[in-house]
Amino acid sequence: MLSPFHTPNVIEAGCDEAGRGCLAGPVFAAAVILPPTYSNPMLNDSKQLTHRQRTALRDVIERDAVAWAVAECSPAEIDKMNILRCSIIAMQRALDMLTTRPQHIIVDGNRWMPYPIPADTIVKGDATYMSIAAASILAKTYRDERMTLLAHEYPQYGWDTNMGYPSPRHREAIRRHGPTPYHRMTFRLLPETQLTLPFD
């Protein structure tokens, strides 16, 4: 069972992102505030769950949360500002959308940027705290939905199965057809061509 909170006696929001390592599509992020006595033994890092489990849990999270929000940064923003910065910006956009203002934030990972609310970064936080796990599930499911929709527009890239990650089919489609407007042009789309810009 994951821990219900990191800092006791405050309104705490958990944040996580999805799609940071993809070659195409936006990066999504979510922020979730759970009730202080909340318990759900099924909550876990979204990567440890099946698609069916994530989909079922999304409905539960949206029903049970005190507040939740999902936000994104576009491929153009990623190319302009870099993926690490955009992952954090997307999380902060989700926080800005919450209908309840948190007093403390816990973030999956080890990087953050200035924000008006105190925050702690936690490596593997999505496998430690329920609110971060809930945020990881929302970010993942909403992003997967978006990539499945975009796959109808560009079916040759296989985004309905690879979700924009660098699978062999995806890279072969880039080699044959070139990039789309949804590709991140600062990423190494093909191993023999572009180089990923370093993180700040």
N, C-alpha and C. Protein backbone atom coordinates (compact mmCIF):
# COMPACT_ATOMS: atom_id res chain seq x y z
N MET A 1 0.84 -1.20 0.00
CA MET A 1 0.00 0.00 0.00
C MET A 1 0.88 1.25 0.00
N LEU A 2 0.57 2.20 -0.87
CA LEU A 2 1.32 3.44 -0.93
C LEU A 2 0.96 4.34 0.24
N SER A 3 1.82 5.31 0.54
CA SER A 3 1.58 6.23 1.64
C SER A 3 0.53 7.26 1.25
N PRO A 4 -0.33 7.65 2.18
CA PRO A 4 -1.39 8.60 1.84
C PRO A 4 -0.90 10.04 1.66
N PHE A 5 0.20 10.39 2.33
CA PHE A 5 0.70 11.76 2.21
C PHE A 5 2.17 11.81 2.61
N HIS A 6 2.81 12.90 2.24
CA HIS A 6 4.22 13.13 2.59
C HIS A 6 4.33 14.06 3.79
N THR A 7 3.55 15.13 3.76
CA THR A 7 3.57 16.13 4.83
C THR A 7 2.22 16.12 5.53
N PRO A 8 2.17 15.81 6.83
CA PRO A 8 0.87 15.70 7.51
C PRO A 8 0.23 17.06 7.75
N ASN A 9 -1.10 17.02 7.87
CA ASN A 9 -1.90 18.18 8.31
C ASN A 9 -1.86 19.36 7.35
N VAL A 10 -1.65 19.09 6.07
CA VAL A 10 -1.75 20.14 5.05
C VAL A 10 -2.53 19.57 3.86
N ILE A 11 -3.03 20.45 3.02
CA ILE A 11 -3.65 20.03 1.76
C ILE A 11 -2.53 19.80 0.76
N GLU A 12 -2.32 18.55 0.38
CA GLU A 12 -1.16 18.18 -0.42
C GLU A 12 -1.59 17.68 -1.80
N ALA A 13 -0.94 18.19 -2.83
CA ALA A 13 -1.19 17.75 -4.20
C ALA A 13 -0.01 16.95 -4.70
N GLY A 14 -0.30 15.84 -5.37
CA GLY A 14 0.73 15.05 -6.04
C GLY A 14 0.75 15.36 -7.52
N CYS A 15 1.96 15.41 -8.11
CA CYS A 15 2.11 15.74 -9.53
C CYS A 15 2.97 14.71 -10.23
N ASP A 16 2.62 14.42 -11.49
CA ASP A 16 3.46 13.57 -12.32
C ASP A 16 3.17 13.89 -13.78
N GLU A 17 4.07 13.44 -14.66
CA GLU A 17 3.92 13.68 -16.10
C GLU A 17 3.93 12.36 -16.86
N ALA A 18 3.56 12.45 -18.15
CA ALA A 18 3.61 11.28 -19.04
C ALA A 18 4.04 11.74 -20.42
N GLY A 19 4.91 10.95 -21.04
CA GLY A 19 5.31 11.24 -22.41
C GLY A 19 6.60 11.99 -22.57
N ARG A 20 7.42 12.00 -21.54
CA ARG A 20 8.67 12.76 -21.62
C ARG A 20 9.63 12.18 -22.64
N GLY A 21 9.67 10.86 -22.78
CA GLY A 21 10.63 10.24 -23.68
C GLY A 21 10.10 9.98 -25.08
N CYS A 22 8.96 10.54 -25.43
CA CYS A 22 8.37 10.28 -26.74
C CYS A 22 9.02 11.13 -27.83
N LEU A 23 8.90 10.66 -29.06
CA LEU A 23 9.37 11.42 -30.22
C LEU A 23 8.29 12.34 -30.76
N ALA A 24 7.04 12.07 -30.43
CA ALA A 24 5.92 12.83 -30.98
C ALA A 24 4.86 13.04 -29.92
N GLY A 25 4.08 14.11 -30.11
CA GLY A 25 2.97 14.40 -29.23
C GLY A 25 3.34 15.28 -28.07
N PRO A 26 2.33 15.81 -27.39
CA PRO A 26 2.58 16.66 -26.23
C PRO A 26 3.04 15.85 -25.03
N VAL A 27 3.59 16.54 -24.05
CA VAL A 27 3.82 15.94 -22.74
C VAL A 27 2.63 16.34 -21.87
N PHE A 28 2.05 15.38 -21.18
CA PHE A 28 0.90 15.61 -20.31
C PHE A 28 1.35 15.56 -18.86
N ALA A 29 0.62 16.24 -18.01
CA ALA A 29 0.87 16.19 -16.57
C ALA A 29 -0.44 16.30 -15.83
N ALA A 30 -0.45 15.81 -14.61
CA ALA A 30 -1.64 15.89 -13.78
C ALA A 30 -1.26 16.28 -12.36
N ALA A 31 -2.23 16.88 -11.68
CA ALA A 31 -2.12 17.20 -10.26
C ALA A 31 -3.36 16.66 -9.57
N VAL A 32 -3.17 16.01 -8.43
CA VAL A 32 -4.29 15.37 -7.73
C VAL A 32 -4.18 15.65 -6.23
N ILE A 33 -5.31 16.06 -5.65
CA ILE A 33 -5.43 16.16 -4.20
C ILE A 33 -6.41 15.09 -3.75
N LEU A 34 -5.96 14.18 -2.91
CA LEU A 34 -6.81 13.12 -2.39
C LEU A 34 -7.29 13.47 -0.97
N PRO A 35 -8.40 12.92 -0.53
CA PRO A 35 -8.84 13.15 0.86
C PRO A 35 -7.77 12.70 1.84
N PRO A 36 -7.66 13.34 2.99
CA PRO A 36 -6.55 13.06 3.91
C PRO A 36 -6.55 11.64 4.45
N THR A 37 -7.70 10.98 4.52
CA THR A 37 -7.74 9.60 5.04
C THR A 37 -7.96 8.60 3.91
N TYR A 38 -7.64 8.99 2.68
CA TYR A 38 -7.95 8.15 1.52
C TYR A 38 -7.12 6.88 1.52
N SER A 39 -7.73 5.81 1.03
CA SER A 39 -7.02 4.53 0.90
C SER A 39 -7.56 3.80 -0.32
N ASN A 40 -6.64 3.33 -1.17
CA ASN A 40 -7.01 2.52 -2.32
C ASN A 40 -5.83 1.60 -2.63
N PRO A 41 -5.93 0.31 -2.31
CA PRO A 41 -4.80 -0.60 -2.49
C PRO A 41 -4.42 -0.82 -3.95
N MET A 42 -5.29 -0.44 -4.89
CA MET A 42 -4.98 -0.62 -6.31
C MET A 42 -4.09 0.49 -6.86
N LEU A 43 -4.01 1.61 -6.19
CA LEU A 43 -3.21 2.72 -6.70
C LEU A 43 -1.74 2.35 -6.74
N ASN A 44 -1.12 2.61 -7.91
CA ASN A 44 0.30 2.31 -8.08
C ASN A 44 0.81 3.13 -9.25
N ASP A 45 2.12 3.18 -9.40
CA ASP A 45 2.75 3.78 -10.56
C ASP A 45 2.06 3.27 -11.82
N SER A 46 1.65 4.19 -12.70
CA SER A 46 0.87 3.80 -13.89
C SER A 46 1.62 2.80 -14.76
N LYS A 47 2.95 2.83 -14.73
CA LYS A 47 3.73 1.90 -15.56
C LYS A 47 3.61 0.46 -15.06
N GLN A 48 3.18 0.28 -13.82
CA GLN A 48 3.03 -1.06 -13.25
C GLN A 48 1.62 -1.62 -13.44
N LEU A 49 0.75 -0.85 -14.07
CA LEU A 49 -0.65 -1.25 -14.24
C LEU A 49 -0.95 -1.57 -15.69
N THR A 50 -1.97 -2.38 -15.91
CA THR A 50 -2.41 -2.65 -17.28
C THR A 50 -3.28 -1.49 -17.77
N HIS A 51 -3.50 -1.46 -19.07
CA HIS A 51 -4.38 -0.43 -19.64
C HIS A 51 -5.75 -0.49 -19.00
N ARG A 52 -6.28 -1.67 -18.80
CA ARG A 52 -7.62 -1.80 -18.20
C ARG A 52 -7.62 -1.30 -16.76
N GLN A 53 -6.58 -1.61 -16.00
CA GLN A 53 -6.50 -1.13 -14.62
C GLN A 53 -6.41 0.39 -14.57
N ARG A 54 -5.58 0.97 -15.45
CA ARG A 54 -5.46 2.43 -15.47
C ARG A 54 -6.79 3.10 -15.80
N THR A 55 -7.48 2.54 -16.78
CA THR A 55 -8.76 3.13 -17.20
C THR A 55 -9.78 3.07 -16.07
N ALA A 56 -9.84 1.94 -15.38
CA ALA A 56 -10.78 1.81 -14.26
C ALA A 56 -10.41 2.75 -13.12
N LEU A 57 -9.12 2.85 -12.83
CA LEU A 57 -8.68 3.71 -11.74
C LEU A 57 -8.88 5.19 -12.06
N ARG A 58 -8.78 5.56 -13.32
CA ARG A 58 -9.02 6.96 -13.67
C ARG A 58 -10.41 7.40 -13.22
N ASP A 59 -11.41 6.57 -13.48
CA ASP A 59 -12.77 6.91 -13.05
C ASP A 59 -12.87 7.03 -11.54
N VAL A 60 -12.19 6.14 -10.83
CA VAL A 60 -12.21 6.16 -9.37
C VAL A 60 -11.53 7.42 -8.84
N ILE A 61 -10.37 7.76 -9.42
CA ILE A 61 -9.63 8.94 -8.98
C ILE A 61 -10.45 10.21 -9.20
N GLU A 62 -11.03 10.33 -10.38
CA GLU A 62 -11.81 11.53 -10.68
C GLU A 62 -13.04 11.64 -9.78
N ARG A 63 -13.58 10.50 -9.38
CA ARG A 63 -14.74 10.52 -8.48
C ARG A 63 -14.35 10.85 -7.04
N ASP A 64 -13.22 10.29 -6.59
CA ASP A 64 -12.87 10.38 -5.17
C ASP A 64 -12.00 11.58 -4.80
N ALA A 65 -11.29 12.13 -5.75
CA ALA A 65 -10.33 13.21 -5.44
C ALA A 65 -11.04 14.46 -4.93
N VAL A 66 -10.37 15.15 -4.04
CA VAL A 66 -10.82 16.49 -3.63
C VAL A 66 -10.76 17.43 -4.83
N ALA A 67 -9.70 17.32 -5.61
CA ALA A 67 -9.53 18.11 -6.83
C ALA A 67 -8.51 17.40 -7.72
N TRP A 68 -8.68 17.55 -9.03
CA TRP A 68 -7.71 16.99 -9.98
C TRP A 68 -7.73 17.85 -11.24
N ALA A 69 -6.62 17.82 -11.97
CA ALA A 69 -6.52 18.57 -13.22
C ALA A 69 -5.44 17.94 -14.09
N VAL A 70 -5.62 18.08 -15.40
CA VAL A 70 -4.66 17.57 -16.38
C VAL A 70 -4.30 18.71 -17.33
N ALA A 71 -3.01 18.85 -17.64
CA ALA A 71 -2.55 19.92 -18.53
C ALA A 71 -1.47 19.35 -19.45
N GLU A 72 -1.00 20.16 -20.38
CA GLU A 72 -0.02 19.67 -21.36
C GLU A 72 0.87 20.79 -21.85
N CYS A 73 1.96 20.40 -22.49
CA CYS A 73 2.80 21.29 -23.29
C CYS A 73 2.92 20.68 -24.68
N SER A 74 2.81 21.51 -25.69
CA SER A 74 2.78 21.05 -27.07
C SER A 74 4.18 20.68 -27.57
N PRO A 75 4.25 19.94 -28.68
CA PRO A 75 5.56 19.68 -29.29
C PRO A 75 6.33 20.95 -29.63
N ALA A 76 5.63 22.00 -30.08
CA ALA A 76 6.30 23.26 -30.39
C ALA A 76 6.91 23.87 -29.13
N GLU A 77 6.19 23.81 -28.02
CA GLU A 77 6.74 24.33 -26.76
C GLU A 77 7.93 23.50 -26.31
N ILE A 78 7.85 22.19 -26.49
CA ILE A 78 8.97 21.32 -26.13
C ILE A 78 10.21 21.68 -26.94
N ASP A 79 10.04 21.89 -28.24
CA ASP A 79 11.18 22.27 -29.09
C ASP A 79 11.75 23.63 -28.70
N LYS A 80 10.89 24.51 -28.21
CA LYS A 80 11.35 25.86 -27.85
C LYS A 80 12.04 25.88 -26.49
N MET A 81 11.50 25.11 -25.52
CA MET A 81 11.94 25.26 -24.13
C MET A 81 12.67 24.05 -23.57
N ASN A 82 12.62 22.92 -24.21
CA ASN A 82 13.17 21.60 -23.86
C ASN A 82 12.18 20.80 -23.01
N ILE A 83 12.34 19.49 -23.06
CA ILE A 83 11.34 18.59 -22.49
C ILE A 83 11.31 18.63 -20.97
N LEU A 84 12.45 18.76 -20.32
CA LEU A 84 12.44 18.82 -18.85
C LEU A 84 11.66 20.04 -18.38
N ARG A 85 11.96 21.19 -18.95
CA ARG A 85 11.25 22.42 -18.56
C ARG A 85 9.76 22.28 -18.83
N CYS A 86 9.41 21.71 -20.00
CA CYS A 86 7.99 21.59 -20.34
C CYS A 86 7.27 20.58 -19.45
N SER A 87 7.96 19.53 -19.02
CA SER A 87 7.34 18.59 -18.09
C SER A 87 6.94 19.30 -16.80
N ILE A 88 7.81 20.16 -16.31
CA ILE A 88 7.51 20.90 -15.08
C ILE A 88 6.44 21.95 -15.33
N ILE A 89 6.52 22.65 -16.46
CA ILE A 89 5.50 23.65 -16.78
C ILE A 89 4.13 23.00 -16.87
N ALA A 90 4.04 21.83 -17.50
CA ALA A 90 2.75 21.14 -17.60
C ALA A 90 2.21 20.79 -16.21
N MET A 91 3.08 20.35 -15.30
CA MET A 91 2.64 20.06 -13.93
C MET A 91 2.16 21.34 -13.24
N GLN A 92 2.86 22.44 -13.45
CA GLN A 92 2.45 23.69 -12.82
C GLN A 92 1.16 24.22 -13.43
N ARG A 93 0.94 23.99 -14.71
CA ARG A 93 -0.34 24.36 -15.32
C ARG A 93 -1.48 23.55 -14.71
N ALA A 94 -1.24 22.26 -14.47
CA ALA A 94 -2.26 21.44 -13.82
C ALA A 94 -2.55 21.95 -12.41
N LEU A 95 -1.51 22.30 -11.68
CA LEU A 95 -1.71 22.86 -10.33
C LEU A 95 -2.54 24.14 -10.39
N ASP A 96 -2.27 24.98 -11.38
CA ASP A 96 -3.02 26.23 -11.51
C ASP A 96 -4.50 25.99 -11.76
N MET A 97 -4.84 24.84 -12.33
CA MET A 97 -6.23 24.52 -12.68
C MET A 97 -7.02 23.88 -11.54
N LEU A 98 -6.35 23.49 -10.47
CA LEU A 98 -7.04 22.82 -9.37
C LEU A 98 -8.10 23.73 -8.74
N THR A 99 -9.25 23.17 -8.43
CA THR A 99 -10.33 23.96 -7.82
C THR A 99 -10.10 24.16 -6.32
N THR A 100 -9.24 23.35 -5.72
CA THR A 100 -8.81 23.54 -4.33
C THR A 100 -7.32 23.87 -4.35
N ARG A 101 -6.94 24.90 -3.64
CA ARG A 101 -5.54 25.32 -3.65
C ARG A 101 -4.74 24.49 -2.65
N PRO A 102 -3.71 23.78 -3.10
CA PRO A 102 -2.92 23.00 -2.15
C PRO A 102 -2.00 23.88 -1.32
N GLN A 103 -1.59 23.35 -0.17
CA GLN A 103 -0.63 24.04 0.69
C GLN A 103 0.78 23.46 0.53
N HIS A 104 0.85 22.29 -0.07
CA HIS A 104 2.14 21.63 -0.28
C HIS A 104 2.02 20.75 -1.51
N ILE A 105 3.16 20.55 -2.22
CA ILE A 105 3.18 19.78 -3.46
C ILE A 105 4.25 18.71 -3.35
N ILE A 106 3.93 17.52 -3.83
CA ILE A 106 4.94 16.48 -3.98
C ILE A 106 5.00 16.09 -5.46
N VAL A 107 6.22 15.99 -5.98
CA VAL A 107 6.46 15.84 -7.41
C VAL A 107 7.30 14.59 -7.66
N ASP A 108 6.88 13.78 -8.62
CA ASP A 108 7.70 12.63 -9.00
C ASP A 108 8.97 13.11 -9.71
N GLY A 109 10.13 12.61 -9.30
CA GLY A 109 11.38 13.00 -9.94
C GLY A 109 12.28 13.78 -9.02
N ASN A 110 13.26 14.46 -9.61
CA ASN A 110 14.24 15.20 -8.79
C ASN A 110 14.47 16.63 -9.27
N ARG A 111 13.58 17.14 -10.13
CA ARG A 111 13.74 18.52 -10.63
C ARG A 111 12.43 19.27 -10.49
N TRP A 112 12.54 20.57 -10.22
CA TRP A 112 11.37 21.43 -10.07
C TRP A 112 11.80 22.84 -10.41
N MET A 113 10.84 23.71 -10.62
CA MET A 113 11.13 25.12 -10.88
C MET A 113 10.34 25.97 -9.88
N PRO A 114 10.76 27.21 -9.66
CA PRO A 114 10.08 28.06 -8.67
C PRO A 114 8.57 28.10 -8.90
N TYR A 115 7.83 28.00 -7.78
CA TYR A 115 6.37 28.01 -7.80
C TYR A 115 5.93 28.56 -6.45
N PRO A 116 4.76 29.21 -6.39
CA PRO A 116 4.38 29.90 -5.14
C PRO A 116 4.07 28.99 -3.96
N ILE A 117 4.01 27.68 -4.16
CA ILE A 117 3.66 26.75 -3.09
C ILE A 117 4.87 25.86 -2.80
N PRO A 118 5.17 25.59 -1.53
CA PRO A 118 6.30 24.71 -1.20
C PRO A 118 6.15 23.33 -1.84
N ALA A 119 7.27 22.77 -2.27
CA ALA A 119 7.24 21.48 -2.96
C ALA A 119 8.42 20.62 -2.56
N ASP A 120 8.22 19.31 -2.62
CA ASP A 120 9.30 18.34 -2.45
C ASP A 120 9.31 17.45 -3.68
N THR A 121 10.52 17.22 -4.23
CA THR A 121 10.67 16.25 -5.32
C THR A 121 11.03 14.90 -4.72
N ILE A 122 10.47 13.84 -5.29
CA ILE A 122 10.63 12.50 -4.74
C ILE A 122 10.91 11.52 -5.87
N VAL A 123 12.11 10.99 -5.91
CA VAL A 123 12.44 9.98 -6.91
C VAL A 123 11.60 8.73 -6.66
N LYS A 124 10.99 8.22 -7.71
CA LYS A 124 10.05 7.09 -7.64
C LYS A 124 8.86 7.42 -6.74
N GLY A 125 8.49 8.68 -6.75
CA GLY A 125 7.34 9.11 -5.94
C GLY A 125 6.04 8.45 -6.37
N ASP A 126 5.95 8.09 -7.68
CA ASP A 126 4.72 7.46 -8.16
C ASP A 126 4.55 6.04 -7.63
N ALA A 127 5.61 5.47 -7.08
CA ALA A 127 5.52 4.15 -6.45
C ALA A 127 5.57 4.27 -4.93
N THR A 128 5.46 5.51 -4.41
CA THR A 128 5.57 5.75 -2.98
C THR A 128 4.32 6.41 -2.39
N TYR A 129 3.78 7.40 -3.11
CA TYR A 129 2.67 8.19 -2.58
C TYR A 129 1.43 8.07 -3.47
N MET A 130 0.27 7.94 -2.84
CA MET A 130 -0.96 7.72 -3.58
C MET A 130 -1.31 8.88 -4.50
N SER A 131 -1.10 10.12 -4.05
CA SER A 131 -1.49 11.26 -4.89
C SER A 131 -0.63 11.35 -6.15
N ILE A 132 0.67 11.02 -6.03
CA ILE A 132 1.53 11.03 -7.22
C ILE A 132 1.14 9.87 -8.14
N ALA A 133 0.86 8.70 -7.57
CA ALA A 133 0.41 7.57 -8.39
C ALA A 133 -0.87 7.93 -9.13
N ALA A 134 -1.80 8.58 -8.44
CA ALA A 134 -3.05 9.00 -9.08
C ALA A 134 -2.77 9.98 -10.22
N ALA A 135 -1.85 10.91 -9.99
CA ALA A 135 -1.49 11.87 -11.05
C ALA A 135 -0.85 11.15 -12.23
N SER A 136 -0.03 10.14 -11.97
CA SER A 136 0.62 9.41 -13.05
C SER A 136 -0.42 8.69 -13.90
N ILE A 137 -1.45 8.15 -13.27
CA ILE A 137 -2.52 7.45 -13.99
C ILE A 137 -3.31 8.42 -14.86
N LEU A 138 -3.67 9.57 -14.31
CA LEU A 138 -4.42 10.55 -15.11
C LEU A 138 -3.58 11.05 -16.29
N ALA A 139 -2.34 11.41 -16.04
CA ALA A 139 -1.48 11.91 -17.11
C ALA A 139 -1.32 10.87 -18.21
N LYS A 140 -1.09 9.63 -17.82
CA LYS A 140 -0.88 8.55 -18.80
C LYS A 140 -2.14 8.27 -19.62
N THR A 141 -3.27 8.16 -18.96
CA THR A 141 -4.49 7.80 -19.69
C THR A 141 -4.95 8.92 -20.62
N TYR A 142 -4.85 10.17 -20.16
CA TYR A 142 -5.25 11.28 -21.03
C TYR A 142 -4.30 11.42 -22.21
N ARG A 143 -3.01 11.20 -21.98
CA ARG A 143 -2.07 11.29 -23.10
C ARG A 143 -2.29 10.15 -24.10
N ASP A 144 -2.51 8.95 -23.59
CA ASP A 144 -2.77 7.82 -24.49
C ASP A 144 -4.00 8.08 -25.36
N GLU A 145 -5.03 8.67 -24.78
CA GLU A 145 -6.23 9.01 -25.56
C GLU A 145 -5.89 9.99 -26.67
N ARG A 146 -5.08 11.00 -26.35
CA ARG A 146 -4.71 11.98 -27.36
C ARG A 146 -3.91 11.33 -28.49
N MET A 147 -2.95 10.49 -28.15
CA MET A 147 -2.13 9.86 -29.19
C MET A 147 -2.95 8.90 -30.04
N THR A 148 -3.94 8.24 -29.44
CA THR A 148 -4.82 7.37 -30.22
C THR A 148 -5.63 8.18 -31.22
N LEU A 149 -6.08 9.37 -30.81
CA LEU A 149 -6.80 10.25 -31.74
C LEU A 149 -5.87 10.72 -32.86
N LEU A 150 -4.66 11.12 -32.51
CA LEU A 150 -3.72 11.59 -33.53
C LEU A 150 -3.33 10.47 -34.49
N ALA A 151 -3.41 9.22 -34.04
CA ALA A 151 -3.09 8.09 -34.91
C ALA A 151 -4.07 7.97 -36.07
N HIS A 152 -5.29 8.46 -35.89
CA HIS A 152 -6.25 8.45 -37.00
C HIS A 152 -5.80 9.42 -38.10
N GLU A 153 -5.14 10.49 -37.70
CA GLU A 153 -4.66 11.48 -38.65
C GLU A 153 -3.39 11.01 -39.37
N TYR A 154 -2.54 10.30 -38.64
CA TYR A 154 -1.28 9.80 -39.20
C TYR A 154 -1.12 8.32 -38.85
N PRO A 155 -1.90 7.43 -39.49
CA PRO A 155 -1.91 6.02 -39.07
C PRO A 155 -0.60 5.28 -39.29
N GLN A 156 0.25 5.76 -40.20
CA GLN A 156 1.45 4.99 -40.54
C GLN A 156 2.48 4.95 -39.40
N TYR A 157 2.36 5.82 -38.40
CA TYR A 157 3.36 5.90 -37.34
C TYR A 157 3.05 4.97 -36.15
N GLY A 158 1.87 4.38 -36.13
CA GLY A 158 1.53 3.44 -35.07
C GLY A 158 1.33 4.05 -33.71
N TRP A 159 0.90 5.30 -33.65
CA TRP A 159 0.77 5.97 -32.36
C TRP A 159 -0.31 5.37 -31.47
N ASP A 160 -1.24 4.62 -32.06
CA ASP A 160 -2.28 3.99 -31.25
C ASP A 160 -1.72 2.84 -30.41
N THR A 161 -0.52 2.37 -30.74
CA THR A 161 0.12 1.31 -29.94
C THR A 161 1.41 1.78 -29.29
N ASN A 162 2.23 2.58 -29.99
CA ASN A 162 3.50 3.02 -29.39
C ASN A 162 3.38 4.35 -28.66
N MET A 163 2.26 5.03 -28.81
CA MET A 163 1.97 6.29 -28.11
C MET A 163 3.03 7.38 -28.36
N GLY A 164 3.74 7.26 -29.47
CA GLY A 164 4.75 8.26 -29.80
C GLY A 164 6.15 7.92 -29.33
N TYR A 165 6.30 6.81 -28.62
CA TYR A 165 7.63 6.40 -28.18
C TYR A 165 8.43 5.85 -29.36
N PRO A 166 9.76 5.77 -29.24
CA PRO A 166 10.61 5.39 -30.38
C PRO A 166 10.65 3.89 -30.64
N SER A 167 9.52 3.33 -31.05
CA SER A 167 9.46 1.92 -31.42
C SER A 167 10.07 1.73 -32.82
N PRO A 168 10.44 0.51 -33.18
CA PRO A 168 10.96 0.28 -34.54
C PRO A 168 9.98 0.71 -35.63
N ARG A 169 8.68 0.43 -35.46
CA ARG A 169 7.70 0.85 -36.46
C ARG A 169 7.65 2.37 -36.58
N HIS A 170 7.68 3.04 -35.45
CA HIS A 170 7.62 4.51 -35.46
C HIS A 170 8.82 5.09 -36.20
N ARG A 171 10.00 4.58 -35.88
CA ARG A 171 11.21 5.12 -36.51
C ARG A 171 11.26 4.78 -38.00
N GLU A 172 10.78 3.61 -38.37
CA GLU A 172 10.76 3.26 -39.79
C GLU A 172 9.79 4.16 -40.55
N ALA A 173 8.66 4.52 -39.93
CA ALA A 173 7.72 5.44 -40.58
C ALA A 173 8.33 6.83 -40.74
N ILE A 174 9.10 7.27 -39.75
CA ILE A 174 9.79 8.56 -39.90
C ILE A 174 10.79 8.49 -41.05
N ARG A 175 11.49 7.36 -41.14
CA ARG A 175 12.47 7.20 -42.20
C ARG A 175 11.80 7.22 -43.59
N ARG A 176 10.63 6.61 -43.68
CA ARG A 176 9.94 6.50 -44.97
C ARG A 176 9.12 7.75 -45.32
N HIS A 177 8.48 8.34 -44.33
CA HIS A 177 7.51 9.41 -44.58
C HIS A 177 7.95 10.77 -44.05
N GLY A 178 9.00 10.81 -43.24
CA GLY A 178 9.42 12.07 -42.64
C GLY A 178 8.61 12.40 -41.40
N PRO A 179 8.95 13.47 -40.72
CA PRO A 179 8.24 13.85 -39.50
C PRO A 179 6.91 14.55 -39.80
N THR A 180 6.05 14.57 -38.82
CA THR A 180 4.75 15.25 -38.89
C THR A 180 4.83 16.54 -38.08
N PRO A 181 3.79 17.37 -38.12
CA PRO A 181 3.77 18.56 -37.24
C PRO A 181 3.74 18.21 -35.76
N TYR A 182 3.45 16.96 -35.42
CA TYR A 182 3.40 16.56 -34.01
C TYR A 182 4.73 16.01 -33.51
N HIS A 183 5.71 15.88 -34.36
CA HIS A 183 7.01 15.37 -33.92
C HIS A 183 7.82 16.47 -33.21
N ARG A 184 8.66 16.04 -32.29
CA ARG A 184 9.54 16.95 -31.56
C ARG A 184 10.85 17.04 -32.33
N MET A 185 11.02 18.14 -33.02
CA MET A 185 12.12 18.23 -33.98
C MET A 185 13.49 18.36 -33.31
N THR A 186 13.52 18.68 -32.02
CA THR A 186 14.80 18.76 -31.31
C THR A 186 15.22 17.40 -30.75
N PHE A 187 14.38 16.38 -30.94
CA PHE A 187 14.71 15.04 -30.48
C PHE A 187 15.44 14.27 -31.58
N ARG A 188 16.11 13.21 -31.18
CA ARG A 188 16.78 12.34 -32.14
C ARG A 188 15.73 11.43 -32.77
N LEU A 189 15.08 11.92 -33.82
CA LEU A 189 14.00 11.16 -34.45
C LEU A 189 14.52 9.88 -35.08
N LEU A 190 15.70 9.96 -35.68
CA LEU A 190 16.37 8.79 -36.21
C LEU A 190 17.78 8.74 -35.61
N PRO A 191 18.26 7.57 -35.27
CA PRO A 191 19.57 7.49 -34.59
C PRO A 191 20.71 8.14 -35.38
N GLU A 192 20.59 8.12 -36.71
CA GLU A 192 21.71 8.62 -37.53
C GLU A 192 21.60 10.11 -37.83
N THR A 193 20.58 10.80 -37.31
CA THR A 193 20.40 12.21 -37.68
C THR A 193 20.52 13.13 -36.47
N GLN A 194 19.38 13.71 -36.06
CA GLN A 194 19.42 14.80 -35.11
C GLN A 194 19.84 14.35 -33.70
N LEU A 195 20.39 15.29 -32.98
CA LEU A 195 20.77 15.06 -31.60
C LEU A 195 19.78 15.73 -30.67
N THR A 196 19.44 15.06 -29.58
CA THR A 196 18.58 15.66 -28.57
C THR A 196 19.32 16.82 -27.88
N LEU A 197 18.63 17.93 -27.70
CA LEU A 197 19.22 19.04 -26.97
C LEU A 197 19.39 18.64 -25.51
N PRO A 198 20.47 19.02 -24.88
CA PRO A 198 20.66 18.67 -23.47
C PRO A 198 19.67 19.41 -22.58
N PHE A 199 19.35 18.82 -21.45
CA PHE A 199 18.50 19.48 -20.45
C PHE A 199 19.26 20.69 -19.86
N ASP A 200 18.48 21.68 -19.46
CA ASP A 200 19.07 22.80 -18.71
C ASP A 200 19.55 22.31 -17.35
